[in-house]
Amino acid sequence: GQYPDGTTDITRTVWIGPDAAPAEVKDRFTRVL
């Protein structure tokens, strides 16, 4: 967002369930984290 007092930039990656995320996805996400 552009606000008069600052500019923001954020990325979030979300798992859409209901099942648990696959092991490969969790491995890649955790390495990024």
Full PDB file with SEQRES, HELIX, SHEET, SSBOND, CRYST1, ORIGX, SCALE, CONECT and MASTER records, all heavy atoms in Angstrom:
SEQRES   1 A   33  GLY GLN TYR PRO ASP GLY THR THR ASP ILE THR ARG THR          
SEQRES   2 A   33  VAL TRP ILE GLY PRO ASP ALA ALA PRO ALA GLU VAL LYS          
SEQRES   3 A   33  ASP ARG PHE THR ARG VAL LEU                                  
HELIX    1 AA1 ALA A   23  VAL A   32  1                                  10    
SHEET    1 AA1 2 GLN A   2  TYR A   3  0                                        
SHEET    2 AA1 2 GLY A   6  THR A   7 -1                                        
CRYST1    1.000    1.000    1.000  90.00  90.00  90.00 P 1           1          
ORIGX1      1.000000  0.000000  0.000000        0.00000                         
ORIGX2      0.000000  1.000000  0.000000        0.00000                         
ORIGX3      0.000000  0.000000  1.000000        0.00000                         
SCALE1      1.000000  0.000000  0.000000        0.00000                         
SCALE2      0.000000  1.000000  0.000000        0.00000                         
SCALE3      0.000000  0.000000  1.000000        0.00000                         
ATOM      1  N   GLY A   1       0.814  -1.205   0.000  1.00  0.00           N  
ATOM      2  CA  GLY A   1       0.000   0.000   0.000  1.00  0.00           C  
ATOM      3  C   GLY A   1       0.851   1.260   0.000  1.00  0.00           C  
ATOM      4  O   GLY A   1       1.985   1.260   0.485  1.00  0.00           O  
ATOM      5  N   GLN A   2       0.285   2.317  -0.569  1.00  0.00           N  
ATOM      6  CA  GLN A   2       0.886   3.646  -0.515  1.00  0.00           C  
ATOM      7  C   GLN A   2       0.119   4.479   0.506  1.00  0.00           C  
ATOM      8  O   GLN A   2      -1.066   4.767   0.318  1.00  0.00           O  
ATOM      9  CB  GLN A   2       0.827   4.331  -1.890  1.00  0.00           C  
ATOM     10  CG  GLN A   2       1.708   3.721  -2.955  1.00  0.00           C  
ATOM     11  CD  GLN A   2       3.183   4.063  -2.774  1.00  0.00           C  
ATOM     12  OE1 GLN A   2       3.585   4.619  -1.751  1.00  0.00           O  
ATOM     13  NE2 GLN A   2       3.985   3.725  -3.770  1.00  0.00           N  
ATOM     14  N   TYR A   3       0.780   4.834   1.592  1.00  0.00           N  
ATOM     15  CA  TYR A   3       0.213   5.680   2.635  1.00  0.00           C  
ATOM     16  C   TYR A   3       1.042   6.957   2.719  1.00  0.00           C  
ATOM     17  O   TYR A   3       2.237   6.942   2.390  1.00  0.00           O  
ATOM     18  CB  TYR A   3       0.241   4.955   3.979  1.00  0.00           C  
ATOM     19  CG  TYR A   3      -0.478   3.623   3.996  1.00  0.00           C  
ATOM     20  CD1 TYR A   3       0.216   2.439   3.776  1.00  0.00           C  
ATOM     21  CD2 TYR A   3      -1.848   3.554   4.225  1.00  0.00           C  
ATOM     22  CE1 TYR A   3      -0.433   1.213   3.789  1.00  0.00           C  
ATOM     23  CE2 TYR A   3      -2.503   2.329   4.249  1.00  0.00           C  
ATOM     24  CZ  TYR A   3      -1.796   1.165   4.024  1.00  0.00           C  
ATOM     25  OH  TYR A   3      -2.449  -0.052   4.030  1.00  0.00           O  
ATOM     26  N   PRO A   4       0.463   8.072   3.164  1.00  0.00           N  
ATOM     27  CA  PRO A   4       1.247   9.315   3.246  1.00  0.00           C  
ATOM     28  C   PRO A   4       2.509   9.199   4.092  1.00  0.00           C  
ATOM     29  O   PRO A   4       3.476   9.933   3.870  1.00  0.00           O  
ATOM     30  CB  PRO A   4       0.256  10.315   3.860  1.00  0.00           C  
ATOM     31  CG  PRO A   4      -1.094   9.788   3.483  1.00  0.00           C  
ATOM     32  CD  PRO A   4      -0.951   8.295   3.508  1.00  0.00           C  
ATOM     33  N   ASP A   5       2.504   8.256   5.037  1.00  0.00           N  
ATOM     34  CA  ASP A   5       3.679   8.120   5.912  1.00  0.00           C  
ATOM     35  C   ASP A   5       4.576   6.939   5.551  1.00  0.00           C  
ATOM     36  O   ASP A   5       5.584   6.710   6.222  1.00  0.00           O  
ATOM     37  CB  ASP A   5       3.246   8.019   7.382  1.00  0.00           C  
ATOM     38  CG  ASP A   5       2.111   7.027   7.610  1.00  0.00           C  
ATOM     39  OD1 ASP A   5       1.665   6.388   6.636  1.00  0.00           O  
ATOM     40  OD2 ASP A   5       1.662   6.907   8.769  1.00  0.00           O  
ATOM     41  N   GLY A   6       4.233   6.184   4.500  1.00  0.00           N  
ATOM     42  CA  GLY A   6       5.113   5.071   4.144  1.00  0.00           C  
ATOM     43  C   GLY A   6       4.565   4.190   3.051  1.00  0.00           C  
ATOM     44  O   GLY A   6       3.357   4.177   2.777  1.00  0.00           O  
ATOM     45  N   THR A   7       5.461   3.439   2.441  1.00  0.00           N  
ATOM     46  CA  THR A   7       5.141   2.509   1.360  1.00  0.00           C  
ATOM     47  C   THR A   7       5.407   1.091   1.862  1.00  0.00           C  
ATOM     48  O   THR A   7       6.478   0.822   2.415  1.00  0.00           O  
ATOM     49  CB  THR A   7       6.016   2.798   0.126  1.00  0.00           C  
ATOM     50  OG1 THR A   7       5.756   4.124  -0.328  1.00  0.00           O  
ATOM     51  CG2 THR A   7       5.734   1.821  -1.003  1.00  0.00           C  
ATOM     52  N   THR A   8       4.449   0.185   1.677  1.00  0.00           N  
ATOM     53  CA  THR A   8       4.608  -1.179   2.169  1.00  0.00           C  
ATOM     54  C   THR A   8       4.667  -2.179   1.023  1.00  0.00           C  
ATOM     55  O   THR A   8       4.206  -1.922  -0.085  1.00  0.00           O  
ATOM     56  CB  THR A   8       3.463  -1.571   3.118  1.00  0.00           C  
ATOM     57  OG1 THR A   8       2.228  -1.649   2.390  1.00  0.00           O  
ATOM     58  CG2 THR A   8       3.325  -0.558   4.244  1.00  0.00           C  
ATOM     59  N   ASP A   9       5.251  -3.340   1.325  1.00  0.00           N  
ATOM     60  CA  ASP A   9       5.402  -4.431   0.354  1.00  0.00           C  
ATOM     61  C   ASP A   9       5.563  -5.706   1.160  1.00  0.00           C  
ATOM     62  O   ASP A   9       6.513  -5.823   1.948  1.00  0.00           O  
ATOM     63  CB  ASP A   9       6.624  -4.170  -0.539  1.00  0.00           C  
ATOM     64  CG  ASP A   9       6.808  -5.224  -1.626  1.00  0.00           C  
ATOM     65  OD1 ASP A   9       5.968  -6.137  -1.742  1.00  0.00           O  
ATOM     66  OD2 ASP A   9       7.810  -5.118  -2.371  1.00  0.00           O  
ATOM     67  N   ILE A  10       4.660  -6.663   0.987  1.00  0.00           N  
ATOM     68  CA  ILE A  10       4.670  -7.877   1.788  1.00  0.00           C  
ATOM     69  C   ILE A  10       4.206  -9.043   0.936  1.00  0.00           C  
ATOM     70  O   ILE A  10       3.290  -8.897   0.120  1.00  0.00           O  
ATOM     71  CB  ILE A  10       3.755  -7.739   3.038  1.00  0.00           C  
ATOM     72  CG1 ILE A  10       3.618  -9.099   3.758  1.00  0.00           C  
ATOM     73  CG2 ILE A  10       2.396  -7.167   2.684  1.00  0.00           C  
ATOM     74  CD1 ILE A  10       2.801  -9.028   5.027  1.00  0.00           C  
ATOM     75  N   THR A  11       4.838 -10.209   1.113  1.00  0.00           N  
ATOM     76  CA  THR A  11       4.355 -11.430   0.481  1.00  0.00           C  
ATOM     77  C   THR A  11       4.122 -12.488   1.551  1.00  0.00           C  
ATOM     78  O   THR A  11       4.975 -12.688   2.425  1.00  0.00           O  
ATOM     79  CB  THR A  11       5.368 -11.993  -0.537  1.00  0.00           C  
ATOM     80  OG1 THR A  11       5.717 -10.973  -1.465  1.00  0.00           O  
ATOM     81  CG2 THR A  11       4.773 -13.169  -1.297  1.00  0.00           C  
ATOM     82  N   ARG A  12       2.971 -13.131   1.467  1.00  0.00           N  
ATOM     83  CA  ARG A  12       2.684 -14.279   2.304  1.00  0.00           C  
ATOM     84  C   ARG A  12       2.220 -15.433   1.416  1.00  0.00           C  
ATOM     85  O   ARG A  12       1.514 -15.212   0.418  1.00  0.00           O  
ATOM     86  CB  ARG A  12       1.610 -13.962   3.353  1.00  0.00           C  
ATOM     87  CG  ARG A  12       2.116 -13.078   4.481  1.00  0.00           C  
ATOM     88  CD  ARG A  12       3.207 -13.754   5.283  1.00  0.00           C  
ATOM     89  NE  ARG A  12       3.725 -12.942   6.386  1.00  0.00           N  
ATOM     90  CZ  ARG A  12       4.799 -12.188   6.323  1.00  0.00           C  
ATOM     91  NH1 ARG A  12       5.481 -12.093   5.170  1.00  0.00           N  
ATOM     92  NH2 ARG A  12       5.223 -11.533   7.377  1.00  0.00           N  
ATOM     93  N   THR A  13       2.642 -16.624   1.779  1.00  0.00           N  
ATOM     94  CA  THR A  13       2.235 -17.836   1.094  1.00  0.00           C  
ATOM     95  C   THR A  13       1.392 -18.648   2.071  1.00  0.00           C  
ATOM     96  O   THR A  13       1.801 -18.864   3.217  1.00  0.00           O  
ATOM     97  CB  THR A  13       3.454 -18.645   0.640  1.00  0.00           C  
ATOM     98  OG1 THR A  13       4.299 -17.800  -0.160  1.00  0.00           O  
ATOM     99  CG2 THR A  13       3.039 -19.854  -0.173  1.00  0.00           C  
ATOM    100  N   VAL A  14       0.223 -19.087   1.608  1.00  0.00           N  
ATOM    101  CA  VAL A  14      -0.774 -19.679   2.497  1.00  0.00           C  
ATOM    102  C   VAL A  14      -1.178 -21.050   1.954  1.00  0.00           C  
ATOM    103  O   VAL A  14      -1.337 -21.223   0.736  1.00  0.00           O  
ATOM    104  CB  VAL A  14      -2.017 -18.761   2.601  1.00  0.00           C  
ATOM    105  CG1 VAL A  14      -3.072 -19.367   3.506  1.00  0.00           C  
ATOM    106  CG2 VAL A  14      -1.609 -17.379   3.105  1.00  0.00           C  
ATOM    107  N   TRP A  15      -1.360 -21.995   2.849  1.00  0.00           N  
ATOM    108  CA  TRP A  15      -1.899 -23.299   2.474  1.00  0.00           C  
ATOM    109  C   TRP A  15      -3.418 -23.272   2.619  1.00  0.00           C  
ATOM    110  O   TRP A  15      -3.948 -22.941   3.687  1.00  0.00           O  
ATOM    111  CB  TRP A  15      -1.304 -24.412   3.343  1.00  0.00           C  
ATOM    112  CG  TRP A  15      -1.911 -25.766   3.066  1.00  0.00           C  
ATOM    113  CD1 TRP A  15      -2.745 -26.478   3.882  1.00  0.00           C  
ATOM    114  CD2 TRP A  15      -1.745 -26.534   1.878  1.00  0.00           C  
ATOM    115  NE1 TRP A  15      -3.100 -27.654   3.291  1.00  0.00           N  
ATOM    116  CE2 TRP A  15      -2.501 -27.730   2.046  1.00  0.00           C  
ATOM    117  CE3 TRP A  15      -1.039 -26.347   0.696  1.00  0.00           C  
ATOM    118  CZ2 TRP A  15      -2.571 -28.723   1.075  1.00  0.00           C  
ATOM    119  CZ3 TRP A  15      -1.101 -27.335  -0.284  1.00  0.00           C  
ATOM    120  CH2 TRP A  15      -1.853 -28.496  -0.094  1.00  0.00           C  
ATOM    121  N   ILE A  16      -4.116 -23.599   1.526  1.00  0.00           N  
ATOM    122  CA  ILE A  16      -5.575 -23.698   1.549  1.00  0.00           C  
ATOM    123  C   ILE A  16      -5.914 -25.167   1.792  1.00  0.00           C  
ATOM    124  O   ILE A  16      -5.743 -25.999   0.904  1.00  0.00           O  
ATOM    125  CB  ILE A  16      -6.189 -23.211   0.216  1.00  0.00           C  
ATOM    126  CG1 ILE A  16      -5.675 -21.806  -0.130  1.00  0.00           C  
ATOM    127  CG2 ILE A  16      -7.712 -23.248   0.297  1.00  0.00           C  
ATOM    128  CD1 ILE A  16      -6.039 -20.723   0.843  1.00  0.00           C  
ATOM    129  N   GLY A  17      -6.379 -25.507   2.972  1.00  0.00           N  
ATOM    130  CA  GLY A  17      -6.662 -26.892   3.360  1.00  0.00           C  
ATOM    131  C   GLY A  17      -7.865 -27.490   2.635  1.00  0.00           C  
ATOM    132  O   GLY A  17      -8.167 -27.072   1.519  1.00  0.00           O  
ATOM    133  N   PRO A  18      -8.514 -28.486   3.233  1.00  0.00           N  
ATOM    134  CA  PRO A  18      -8.430 -28.839   4.663  1.00  0.00           C  
ATOM    135  C   PRO A  18      -7.329 -29.839   5.015  1.00  0.00           C  
ATOM    136  O   PRO A  18      -6.959 -29.967   6.175  1.00  0.00           O  
ATOM    137  CB  PRO A  18      -9.808 -29.454   4.933  1.00  0.00           C  
ATOM    138  CG  PRO A  18     -10.178 -30.095   3.626  1.00  0.00           C  
ATOM    139  CD  PRO A  18      -9.638 -29.177   2.551  1.00  0.00           C  
ATOM    140  N   ASP A  19      -6.813 -30.573   4.042  1.00  0.00           N  
ATOM    141  CA  ASP A  19      -5.800 -31.572   4.350  1.00  0.00           C  
ATOM    142  C   ASP A  19      -4.468 -30.901   4.672  1.00  0.00           C  
ATOM    143  O   ASP A  19      -4.253 -29.722   4.362  1.00  0.00           O  
ATOM    144  CB  ASP A  19      -5.623 -32.540   3.185  1.00  0.00           C  
ATOM    145  CG  ASP A  19      -6.891 -33.325   2.875  1.00  0.00           C  
ATOM    146  OD1 ASP A  19      -7.766 -33.385   3.772  1.00  0.00           O  
ATOM    147  OD2 ASP A  19      -7.013 -33.849   1.755  1.00  0.00           O  
ATOM    148  N   ALA A  20      -3.560 -31.664   5.243  1.00  0.00           N  
ATOM    149  CA  ALA A  20      -2.222 -31.144   5.532  1.00  0.00           C  
ATOM    150  C   ALA A  20      -1.454 -30.937   4.236  1.00  0.00           C  
ATOM    151  O   ALA A  20      -1.675 -31.624   3.233  1.00  0.00           O  
ATOM    152  CB  ALA A  20      -1.479 -32.115   6.442  1.00  0.00           C  
ATOM    153  N   ALA A  21      -0.556 -29.974   4.245  1.00  0.00           N  
ATOM    154  CA  ALA A  21       0.268 -29.704   3.061  1.00  0.00           C  
ATOM    155  C   ALA A  21       1.189 -30.892   2.789  1.00  0.00           C  
ATOM    156  O   ALA A  21       1.686 -31.536   3.727  1.00  0.00           O  
ATOM    157  CB  ALA A  21       1.090 -28.444   3.275  1.00  0.00           C  
ATOM    158  N   PRO A  22       1.445 -31.200   1.515  1.00  0.00           N  
ATOM    159  CA  PRO A  22       2.358 -32.301   1.173  1.00  0.00           C  
ATOM    160  C   PRO A  22       3.761 -32.044   1.706  1.00  0.00           C  
ATOM    161  O   PRO A  22       4.189 -30.892   1.880  1.00  0.00           O  
ATOM    162  CB  PRO A  22       2.338 -32.317  -0.361  1.00  0.00           C  
ATOM    163  CG  PRO A  22       1.090 -31.599  -0.747  1.00  0.00           C  
ATOM    164  CD  PRO A  22       0.852 -30.580   0.324  1.00  0.00           C  
ATOM    165  N   ALA A  23       4.501 -33.116   1.913  1.00  0.00           N  
ATOM    166  CA  ALA A  23       5.848 -33.014   2.474  1.00  0.00           C  
ATOM    167  C   ALA A  23       6.749 -32.155   1.604  1.00  0.00           C  
ATOM    168  O   ALA A  23       7.555 -31.361   2.123  1.00  0.00           O  
ATOM    169  CB  ALA A  23       6.439 -34.411   2.655  1.00  0.00           C  
ATOM    170  N   GLU A  24       6.644 -32.283   0.258  1.00  0.00           N  
ATOM    171  CA  GLU A  24       7.512 -31.489  -0.615  1.00  0.00           C  
ATOM    172  C   GLU A  24       7.248 -30.001  -0.442  1.00  0.00           C  
ATOM    173  O   GLU A  24       8.186 -29.193  -0.359  1.00  0.00           O  
ATOM    174  CB  GLU A  24       7.289 -31.867  -2.075  1.00  0.00           C  
ATOM    175  CG  GLU A  24       8.152 -31.035  -3.030  1.00  0.00           C  
ATOM    176  CD  GLU A  24       7.714 -31.149  -4.477  1.00  0.00           C  
ATOM    177  OE1 GLU A  24       8.129 -32.115  -5.123  1.00  0.00           O  
ATOM    178  OE2 GLU A  24       6.965 -30.259  -4.959  1.00  0.00           O  
ATOM    179  N   VAL A  25       5.989 -29.616  -0.392  1.00  0.00           N  
ATOM    180  CA  VAL A  25       5.638 -28.201  -0.249  1.00  0.00           C  
ATOM    181  C   VAL A  25       6.172 -27.663   1.076  1.00  0.00           C  
ATOM    182  O   VAL A  25       6.751 -26.565   1.140  1.00  0.00           O  
ATOM    183  CB  VAL A  25       4.117 -28.002  -0.364  1.00  0.00           C  
ATOM    184  CG1 VAL A  25       3.747 -26.557  -0.055  1.00  0.00           C  
ATOM    185  CG2 VAL A  25       3.625 -28.388  -1.753  1.00  0.00           C  
ATOM    186  N   LYS A  26       6.007 -28.427   2.157  1.00  0.00           N  
ATOM    187  CA  LYS A  26       6.497 -27.986   3.461  1.00  0.00           C  
ATOM    188  C   LYS A  26       8.014 -27.893   3.475  1.00  0.00           C  
ATOM    189  O   LYS A  26       8.591 -26.968   4.065  1.00  0.00           O  
ATOM    190  CB  LYS A  26       5.994 -28.936   4.553  1.00  0.00           C  
ATOM    191  CG  LYS A  26       4.483 -28.900   4.736  1.00  0.00           C  
ATOM    192  CD  LYS A  26       4.005 -29.862   5.804  1.00  0.00           C  
ATOM    193  CE  LYS A  26       4.372 -29.397   7.196  1.00  0.00           C  
ATOM    194  NZ  LYS A  26       3.728 -30.241   8.241  1.00  0.00           N  
ATOM    195  N   ASP A  27       8.671 -28.830   2.806  1.00  0.00           N  
ATOM    196  CA  ASP A  27      10.134 -28.777   2.727  1.00  0.00           C  
ATOM    197  C   ASP A  27      10.592 -27.508   2.023  1.00  0.00           C  
ATOM    198  O   ASP A  27      11.484 -26.795   2.511  1.00  0.00           O  
ATOM    199  CB  ASP A  27      10.644 -30.012   1.981  1.00  0.00           C  
ATOM    200  CG  ASP A  27      12.153 -29.956   1.746  1.00  0.00           C  
ATOM    201  OD1 ASP A  27      12.902 -30.414   2.626  1.00  0.00           O  
ATOM    202  OD2 ASP A  27      12.562 -29.446   0.683  1.00  0.00           O  
ATOM    203  N   ARG A  28       9.986 -27.208   0.869  1.00  0.00           N  
ATOM    204  CA  ARG A  28      10.393 -26.021   0.105  1.00  0.00           C  
ATOM    205  C   ARG A  28      10.082 -24.745   0.882  1.00  0.00           C  
ATOM    206  O   ARG A  28      10.893 -23.812   0.933  1.00  0.00           O  
ATOM    207  CB  ARG A  28       9.694 -25.982  -1.254  1.00  0.00           C  
ATOM    208  CG  ARG A  28       9.901 -27.207  -2.136  1.00  0.00           C  
ATOM    209  CD  ARG A  28      11.367 -27.550  -2.351  1.00  0.00           C  
ATOM    210  NE  ARG A  28      11.550 -28.539  -3.397  1.00  0.00           N  
ATOM    211  CZ  ARG A  28      11.926 -29.802  -3.196  1.00  0.00           C  
ATOM    212  NH1 ARG A  28      12.146 -30.247  -1.949  1.00  0.00           N  
ATOM    213  NH2 ARG A  28      12.085 -30.622  -4.220  1.00  0.00           N  
ATOM    214  N   PHE A  29       8.902 -24.689   1.487  1.00  0.00           N  
ATOM    215  CA  PHE A  29       8.528 -23.500   2.252  1.00  0.00           C  
ATOM    216  C   PHE A  29       9.493 -23.288   3.410  1.00  0.00           C  
ATOM    217  O   PHE A  29       9.940 -22.157   3.675  1.00  0.00           O  
ATOM    218  CB  PHE A  29       7.100 -23.637   2.785  1.00  0.00           C  
ATOM    219  CG  PHE A  29       6.611 -22.433   3.541  1.00  0.00           C  
ATOM    220  CD1 PHE A  29       5.965 -21.385   2.889  1.00  0.00           C  
ATOM    221  CD2 PHE A  29       6.796 -22.323   4.917  1.00  0.00           C  
ATOM    222  CE1 PHE A  29       5.515 -20.269   3.589  1.00  0.00           C  
ATOM    223  CE2 PHE A  29       6.361 -21.216   5.621  1.00  0.00           C  
ATOM    224  CZ  PHE A  29       5.715 -20.187   4.949  1.00  0.00           C  
ATOM    225  N   THR A  30       9.837 -24.364   4.103  1.00  0.00           N  
ATOM    226  CA  THR A  30      10.701 -24.229   5.275  1.00  0.00           C  
ATOM    227  C   THR A  30      12.100 -23.819   4.871  1.00  0.00           C  
ATOM    228  O   THR A  30      12.772 -23.052   5.587  1.00  0.00           O  
ATOM    229  CB  THR A  30      10.703 -25.527   6.080  1.00  0.00           C  
ATOM    230  OG1 THR A  30       9.345 -25.925   6.356  1.00  0.00           O  
ATOM    231  CG2 THR A  30      11.437 -25.350   7.402  1.00  0.00           C  
ATOM    232  N   ARG A  31      12.582 -24.297   3.739  1.00  0.00           N  
ATOM    233  CA  ARG A  31      13.900 -23.861   3.259  1.00  0.00           C  
ATOM    234  C   ARG A  31      13.880 -22.373   2.930  1.00  0.00           C  
ATOM    235  O   ARG A  31      14.851 -21.647   3.204  1.00  0.00           O  
ATOM    236  CB  ARG A  31      14.315 -24.677   2.037  1.00  0.00           C  
ATOM    237  CG  ARG A  31      14.659 -26.121   2.369  1.00  0.00           C  
ATOM    238  CD  ARG A  31      15.038 -26.925   1.138  1.00  0.00           C  
ATOM    239  NE  ARG A  31      15.251 -28.326   1.485  1.00  0.00           N  
ATOM    240  CZ  ARG A  31      16.377 -28.832   1.987  1.00  0.00           C  
ATOM    241  NH1 ARG A  31      17.427 -28.023   2.159  1.00  0.00           N  
ATOM    242  NH2 ARG A  31      16.482 -30.098   2.291  1.00  0.00           N  
ATOM    243  N   VAL A  32      12.789 -21.908   2.334  1.00  0.00           N  
ATOM    244  CA  VAL A  32      12.650 -20.468   2.070  1.00  0.00           C  
ATOM    245  C   VAL A  32      12.606 -19.704   3.388  1.00  0.00           C  
ATOM    246  O   VAL A  32      13.256 -18.654   3.542  1.00  0.00           O  
ATOM    247  CB  VAL A  32      11.394 -20.198   1.221  1.00  0.00           C  
ATOM    248  CG1 VAL A  32      11.113 -18.696   1.125  1.00  0.00           C  
ATOM    249  CG2 VAL A  32      11.545 -20.791  -0.178  1.00  0.00           C  
ATOM    250  N   LEU A  33      11.852 -20.215   4.353  1.00  0.00           N  
ATOM    251  CA  LEU A  33      11.748 -19.566   5.662  1.00  0.00           C  
ATOM    252  C   LEU A  33      13.107 -19.498   6.350  1.00  0.00           C  
ATOM    253  O   LEU A  33      13.480 -18.463   6.933  1.00  0.00           O  
ATOM    254  CB  LEU A  33      10.748 -20.311   6.533  1.00  0.00           C  
ATOM    255  CG  LEU A  33      10.604 -19.822   7.982  1.00  0.00           C  
ATOM    256  CD1 LEU A  33      10.144 -18.358   8.016  1.00  0.00           C  
ATOM    257  CD2 LEU A  33       9.635 -20.718   8.760  1.00  0.00           C  
TER     258      LEU A  33                                                      
MASTER        0    0    0    1    2    0    0    6  257    1    0    3          
END                                                                             
